Amino acid sequence: MCWACEEEALWRRYQLEIAVERGEIPPGFEPEDFEAAGLPVPPKRAIETPNPFACDAPDKA
């Protein structure tokens, strides 16, 4: 595994561990991600908040 891939895997594992501590599944993760990493699945899903920087105006071409 290259250094960049290893770094990404470690970062993802860290995010999963933090999610277990918080007790919620963050957006972008599924229960299967926790099971594959050998971690307990948090009991609830985090609420996705809307992006405050997203533009909801229609595109003008």
PDB file of N, CA and C in Angstrom:
ATOM      1  N   MET A   1       0.855  -1.164   0.000  1.00  0.00           N
ATOM      2  CA  MET A   1       0.000   0.000   0.000  1.00  0.00           C
ATOM      3  C   MET A   1       0.908   1.236   0.000  1.00  0.00           C
ATOM      4  N   CYS A   2       0.593   2.196  -0.835  1.00  0.00           N
ATOM      5  CA  CYS A   2       1.401   3.407  -0.897  1.00  0.00           C
ATOM      6  C   CYS A   2       1.139   4.274   0.343  1.00  0.00           C
ATOM      7  N   TRP A   3       2.012   5.237   0.559  1.00  0.00           N
ATOM      8  CA  TRP A   3       1.913   6.086   1.735  1.00  0.00           C
ATOM      9  C   TRP A   3       0.591   6.859   1.764  1.00  0.00           C
ATOM     10  N   ALA A   4       0.173   7.390   0.639  1.00  0.00           N
ATOM     11  CA  ALA A   4      -1.069   8.176   0.594  1.00  0.00           C
ATOM     12  C   ALA A   4      -2.285   7.305   0.909  1.00  0.00           C
ATOM     13  N   CYS A   5      -2.304   6.082   0.389  1.00  0.00           N
ATOM     14  CA  CYS A   5      -3.427   5.176   0.662  1.00  0.00           C
ATOM     15  C   CYS A   5      -3.441   4.767   2.132  1.00  0.00           C
ATOM     16  N   GLU A   6      -2.262   4.526   2.687  1.00  0.00           N
ATOM     17  CA  GLU A   6      -2.171   4.161   4.092  1.00  0.00           C
ATOM     18  C   GLU A   6      -2.641   5.316   4.977  1.00  0.00           C
ATOM     19  N   GLU A   7      -2.259   6.518   4.616  1.00  0.00           N
ATOM     20  CA  GLU A   7      -2.679   7.703   5.367  1.00  0.00           C
ATOM     21  C   GLU A   7      -4.196   7.862   5.307  1.00  0.00           C
ATOM     22  N   GLU A   8      -4.789   7.629   4.147  1.00  0.00           N
ATOM     23  CA  GLU A   8      -6.246   7.726   3.989  1.00  0.00           C
ATOM     24  C   GLU A   8      -6.946   6.662   4.834  1.00  0.00           C
ATOM     25  N   ALA A   9      -6.416   5.450   4.851  1.00  0.00           N
ATOM     26  CA  ALA A   9      -7.002   4.371   5.646  1.00  0.00           C
ATOM     27  C   ALA A   9      -6.936   4.701   7.140  1.00  0.00           C
ATOM     28  N   LEU A  10      -5.821   5.255   7.593  1.00  0.00           N
ATOM     29  CA  LEU A  10      -5.697   5.638   8.995  1.00  0.00           C
ATOM     30  C   LEU A  10      -6.666   6.768   9.351  1.00  0.00           C
ATOM     31  N   TRP A  11      -6.823   7.731   8.456  1.00  0.00           N
ATOM     32  CA  TRP A  11      -7.745   8.851   8.694  1.00  0.00           C
ATOM     33  C   TRP A  11      -9.183   8.348   8.774  1.00  0.00           C
ATOM     34  N   ARG A  12      -9.546   7.427   7.870  1.00  0.00           N
ATOM     35  CA  ARG A  12     -10.896   6.869   7.878  1.00  0.00           C
ATOM     36  C   ARG A  12     -11.142   6.094   9.168  1.00  0.00           C
ATOM     37  N   ARG A  13     -10.160   5.308   9.604  1.00  0.00           N
ATOM     38  CA  ARG A  13     -10.275   4.546  10.851  1.00  0.00           C
ATOM     39  C   ARG A  13     -10.459   5.508  12.034  1.00  0.00           C
ATOM     40  N   TYR A  14      -9.701   6.601  12.034  1.00  0.00           N
ATOM     41  CA  TYR A  14      -9.818   7.597  13.097  1.00  0.00           C
ATOM     42  C   TYR A  14     -11.232   8.190  13.131  1.00  0.00           C
ATOM     43  N   GLN A  15     -11.779   8.509  11.965  1.00  0.00           N
ATOM     44  CA  GLN A  15     -13.132   9.073  11.907  1.00  0.00           C
ATOM     45  C   GLN A  15     -14.160   8.069  12.440  1.00  0.00           C
ATOM     46  N   LEU A  16     -13.967   6.786  12.130  1.00  0.00           N
ATOM     47  CA  LEU A  16     -14.875   5.762  12.643  1.00  0.00           C
ATOM     48  C   LEU A  16     -14.788   5.670  14.163  1.00  0.00           C
ATOM     49  N   GLU A  17     -13.580   5.724  14.700  1.00  0.00           N
ATOM     50  CA  GLU A  17     -13.420   5.643  16.149  1.00  0.00           C
ATOM     51  C   GLU A  17     -14.047   6.845  16.852  1.00  0.00           C
ATOM     52  N   ILE A  18     -13.907   8.017  16.271  1.00  0.00           N
ATOM     53  CA  ILE A  18     -14.527   9.218  16.844  1.00  0.00           C
ATOM     54  C   ILE A  18     -16.051   9.088  16.805  1.00  0.00           C
ATOM     55  N   ALA A  19     -16.581   8.538  15.721  1.00  0.00           N
ATOM     56  CA  ALA A  19     -18.030   8.355  15.602  1.00  0.00           C
ATOM     57  C   ALA A  19     -18.541   7.394  16.668  1.00  0.00           C
ATOM     58  N   VAL A  20     -17.783   6.348  16.961  1.00  0.00           N
ATOM     59  CA  VAL A  20     -18.182   5.406  18.016  1.00  0.00           C
ATOM     60  C   VAL A  20     -18.223   6.127  19.354  1.00  0.00           C
ATOM     61  N   GLU A  21     -17.236   6.966  19.629  1.00  0.00           N
ATOM     62  CA  GLU A  21     -17.221   7.729  20.879  1.00  0.00           C
ATOM     63  C   GLU A  21     -18.424   8.664  20.984  1.00  0.00           C
ATOM     64  N   ARG A  22     -18.801   9.276  19.879  1.00  0.00           N
ATOM     65  CA  ARG A  22     -19.934  10.216  19.880  1.00  0.00           C
ATOM     66  C   ARG A  22     -21.271   9.485  19.906  1.00  0.00           C
ATOM     67  N   GLY A  23     -21.276   8.228  19.484  1.00  0.00           N
ATOM     68  CA  GLY A  23     -22.502   7.442  19.508  1.00  0.00           C
ATOM     69  C   GLY A  23     -23.431   7.682  18.342  1.00  0.00           C
ATOM     70  N   GLU A  24     -22.883   8.141  17.211  1.00  0.00           N
ATOM     71  CA  GLU A  24     -23.727   8.361  16.039  1.00  0.00           C
ATOM     72  C   GLU A  24     -22.944   8.102  14.766  1.00  0.00           C
ATOM     73  N   ILE A  25     -23.673   7.688  13.734  1.00  0.00           N
ATOM     74  CA  ILE A  25     -23.062   7.409  12.441  1.00  0.00           C
ATOM     75  C   ILE A  25     -23.058   8.709  11.636  1.00  0.00           C
ATOM     76  N   PRO A  26     -21.876   9.228  11.284  1.00  0.00           N
ATOM     77  CA  PRO A  26     -21.825  10.490  10.541  1.00  0.00           C
ATOM     78  C   PRO A  26     -22.246  10.308   9.082  1.00  0.00           C
ATOM     79  N   PRO A  27     -22.649  11.397   8.421  1.00  0.00           N
ATOM     80  CA  PRO A  27     -22.987  11.320   7.004  1.00  0.00           C
ATOM     81  C   PRO A  27     -21.803  10.784   6.198  1.00  0.00           C
ATOM     82  N   GLY A  28     -22.103   9.930   5.245  1.00  0.00           N
ATOM     83  CA  GLY A  28     -21.056   9.356   4.403  1.00  0.00           C
ATOM     84  C   GLY A  28     -20.578   7.994   4.880  1.00  0.00           C
ATOM     85  N   PHE A  29     -21.027   7.553   6.044  1.00  0.00           N
ATOM     86  CA  PHE A  29     -20.646   6.258   6.580  1.00  0.00           C
ATOM     87  C   PHE A  29     -21.880   5.378   6.713  1.00  0.00           C
ATOM     88  N   GLU A  30     -21.665   4.085   6.606  1.00  0.00           N
ATOM     89  CA  GLU A  30     -22.731   3.101   6.751  1.00  0.00           C
ATOM     90  C   GLU A  30     -22.377   2.161   7.897  1.00  0.00           C
ATOM     91  N   PRO A  31     -23.345   1.460   8.467  1.00  0.00           N
ATOM     92  CA  PRO A  31     -23.038   0.501   9.526  1.00  0.00           C
ATOM     93  C   PRO A  31     -22.012  -0.552   9.092  1.00  0.00           C
ATOM     94  N   GLU A  32     -22.009  -0.896   7.820  1.00  0.00           N
ATOM     95  CA  GLU A  32     -21.062  -1.892   7.312  1.00  0.00           C
ATOM     96  C   GLU A  32     -19.615  -1.417   7.440  1.00  0.00           C
ATOM     97  N   ASP A  33     -19.390  -0.100   7.374  1.00  0.00           N
ATOM     98  CA  ASP A  33     -18.042   0.451   7.529  1.00  0.00           C
ATOM     99  C   ASP A  33     -17.491   0.150   8.922  1.00  0.00           C
ATOM    100  N   PHE A  34     -18.345   0.253   9.923  1.00  0.00           N
ATOM    101  CA  PHE A  34     -17.927  -0.017  11.299  1.00  0.00           C
ATOM    102  C   PHE A  34     -17.653  -1.511  11.483  1.00  0.00           C
ATOM    103  N   GLU A  35     -18.543  -2.337  10.916  1.00  0.00           N
ATOM    104  CA  GLU A  35     -18.363  -3.783  11.035  1.00  0.00           C
ATOM    105  C   GLU A  35     -17.081  -4.235  10.344  1.00  0.00           C
ATOM    106  N   ALA A  36     -16.777  -3.671   9.184  1.00  0.00           N
ATOM    107  CA  ALA A  36     -15.571  -4.044   8.446  1.00  0.00           C
ATOM    108  C   ALA A  36     -14.305  -3.649   9.213  1.00  0.00           C
ATOM    109  N   ALA A  37     -14.382  -2.577  10.007  1.00  0.00           N
ATOM    110  CA  ALA A  37     -13.235  -2.125  10.781  1.00  0.00           C
ATOM    111  C   ALA A  37     -13.156  -2.826  12.139  1.00  0.00           C
ATOM    112  N   GLY A  38     -14.147  -3.677  12.440  1.00  0.00           N
ATOM    113  CA  GLY A  38     -14.150  -4.380  13.714  1.00  0.00           C
ATOM    114  C   GLY A  38     -14.567  -3.510  14.884  1.00  0.00           C
ATOM    115  N   LEU A  39     -15.344  -2.468  14.599  1.00  0.00           N
ATOM    116  CA  LEU A  39     -15.805  -1.546  15.635  1.00  0.00           C
ATOM    117  C   LEU A  39     -17.299  -1.738  15.879  1.00  0.00           C
ATOM    118  N   PRO A  40     -17.784  -1.400  17.080  1.00  0.00           N
ATOM    119  CA  PRO A  40     -19.227  -1.485  17.323  1.00  0.00           C
ATOM    120  C   PRO A  40     -19.965  -0.416  16.515  1.00  0.00           C
ATOM    121  N   VAL A  41     -21.146  -0.757  16.076  1.00  0.00           N
ATOM    122  CA  VAL A  41     -21.952   0.175  15.281  1.00  0.00           C
ATOM    123  C   VAL A  41     -22.682   1.123  16.233  1.00  0.00           C
ATOM    124  N   PRO A  42     -22.508   2.445  16.046  1.00  0.00           N
ATOM    125  CA  PRO A  42     -23.239   3.407  16.889  1.00  0.00           C
ATOM    126  C   PRO A  42     -24.746   3.246  16.697  1.00  0.00           C
ATOM    127  N   PRO A  43     -25.521   3.539  17.746  1.00  0.00           N
ATOM    128  CA  PRO A  43     -26.962   3.275  17.691  1.00  0.00           C
ATOM    129  C   PRO A  43     -27.786   4.218  16.816  1.00  0.00           C
ATOM    130  N   LYS A  44     -27.293   5.416  16.536  1.00  0.00           N
ATOM    131  CA  LYS A  44     -28.142   6.345  15.777  1.00  0.00           C
ATOM    132  C   LYS A  44     -27.345   7.019  14.668  1.00  0.00           C
ATOM    133  N   ARG A  45     -28.068   7.573  13.738  1.00  0.00           N
ATOM    134  CA  ARG A  45     -27.477   8.278  12.603  1.00  0.00           C
ATOM    135  C   ARG A  45     -27.476   9.772  12.890  1.00  0.00           C
ATOM    136  N   ALA A  46     -26.375  10.433  12.542  1.00  0.00           N
ATOM    137  CA  ALA A  46     -26.274  11.882  12.743  1.00  0.00           C
ATOM    138  C   ALA A  46     -27.215  12.599  11.777  1.00  0.00           C
ATOM    139  N   ILE A  47     -27.706  13.726  12.210  1.00  0.00           N
ATOM    140  CA  ILE A  47     -28.580  14.538  11.361  1.00  0.00           C
ATOM    141  C   ILE A  47     -27.703  15.326  10.393  1.00  0.00           C
ATOM    142  N   GLU A  48     -28.032  15.218   9.122  1.00  0.00           N
ATOM    143  CA  GLU A  48     -27.272  15.973   8.121  1.00  0.00           C
ATOM    144  C   GLU A  48     -27.760  17.418   8.132  1.00  0.00           C
ATOM    145  N   THR A  49     -26.839  18.327   8.320  1.00  0.00           N
ATOM    146  CA  THR A  49     -27.187  19.743   8.298  1.00  0.00           C
ATOM    147  C   THR A  49     -26.964  20.277   6.892  1.00  0.00           C
ATOM    148  N   PRO A  50     -27.806  21.179   6.456  1.00  0.00           N
ATOM    149  CA  PRO A  50     -27.613  21.737   5.120  1.00  0.00           C
ATOM    150  C   PRO A  50     -26.314  22.543   5.043  1.00  0.00           C
ATOM    151  N   ASN A  51     -25.721  22.548   3.893  1.00  0.00           N
ATOM    152  CA  ASN A  51     -24.485  23.287   3.673  1.00  0.00           C
ATOM    153  C   ASN A  51     -24.814  24.780   3.604  1.00  0.00           C
ATOM    154  N   PRO A  52     -24.300  25.590   4.526  1.00  0.00           N
ATOM    155  CA  PRO A  52     -24.628  27.019   4.509  1.00  0.00           C
ATOM    156  C   PRO A  52     -23.994  27.758   3.337  1.00  0.00           C
ATOM    157  N   PHE A  53     -23.036  27.127   2.664  1.00  0.00           N
ATOM    158  CA  PHE A  53     -22.366  27.771   1.552  1.00  0.00           C
ATOM    159  C   PHE A  53     -22.908  27.311   0.198  1.00  0.00           C
ATOM    160  N   ALA A  54     -23.889  26.435   0.201  1.00  0.00           N
ATOM    161  CA  ALA A  54     -24.461  25.947  -1.052  1.00  0.00           C
ATOM    162  C   ALA A  54     -25.396  27.000  -1.632  1.00  0.00           C
ATOM    163  N   CYS A  55     -25.359  27.110  -2.917  1.00  0.00           N
ATOM    164  CA  CYS A  55     -26.216  28.064  -3.617  1.00  0.00           C
ATOM    165  C   CYS A  55     -27.488  27.347  -4.077  1.00  0.00           C
ATOM    166  N   ASP A  56     -28.632  27.867  -3.718  1.00  0.00           N
ATOM    167  CA  ASP A  56     -29.868  27.226  -4.140  1.00  0.00           C
ATOM    168  C   ASP A  56     -30.515  27.965  -5.322  1.00  0.00           C
ATOM    169  N   ALA A  57     -29.835  28.944  -5.874  1.00  0.00           N
ATOM    170  CA  ALA A  57     -30.341  29.661  -7.038  1.00  0.00           C
ATOM    171  C   ALA A  57     -30.175  28.785  -8.292  1.00  0.00           C
ATOM    172  N   PRO A  58     -31.127  28.845  -9.202  1.00  0.00           N
ATOM    173  CA  PRO A  58     -31.001  28.044 -10.412  1.00  0.00           C
ATOM    174  C   PRO A  58     -29.836  28.540 -11.269  1.00  0.00           C
ATOM    175  N   ASP A  59     -29.217  27.586 -11.956  1.00  0.00           N
ATOM    176  CA  ASP A  59     -28.103  27.935 -12.858  1.00  0.00           C
ATOM    177  C   ASP A  59     -28.643  28.660 -14.084  1.00  0.00           C
ATOM    178  N   LYS A  60     -27.931  29.672 -14.512  1.00  0.00           N
ATOM    179  CA  LYS A  60     -28.321  30.389 -15.730  1.00  0.00           C
ATOM    180  C   LYS A  60     -27.250  30.124 -16.772  1.00  0.00           C
ATOM    181  N   ALA A  61     -27.642  29.456 -17.825  1.00  0.00           N
ATOM    182  CA  ALA A  61     -26.687  29.109 -18.870  1.00  0.00           C
ATOM    183  C   ALA A  61     -26.750  30.055 -20.029  1.00  0.00           C
TER     184      ALA A  61
END
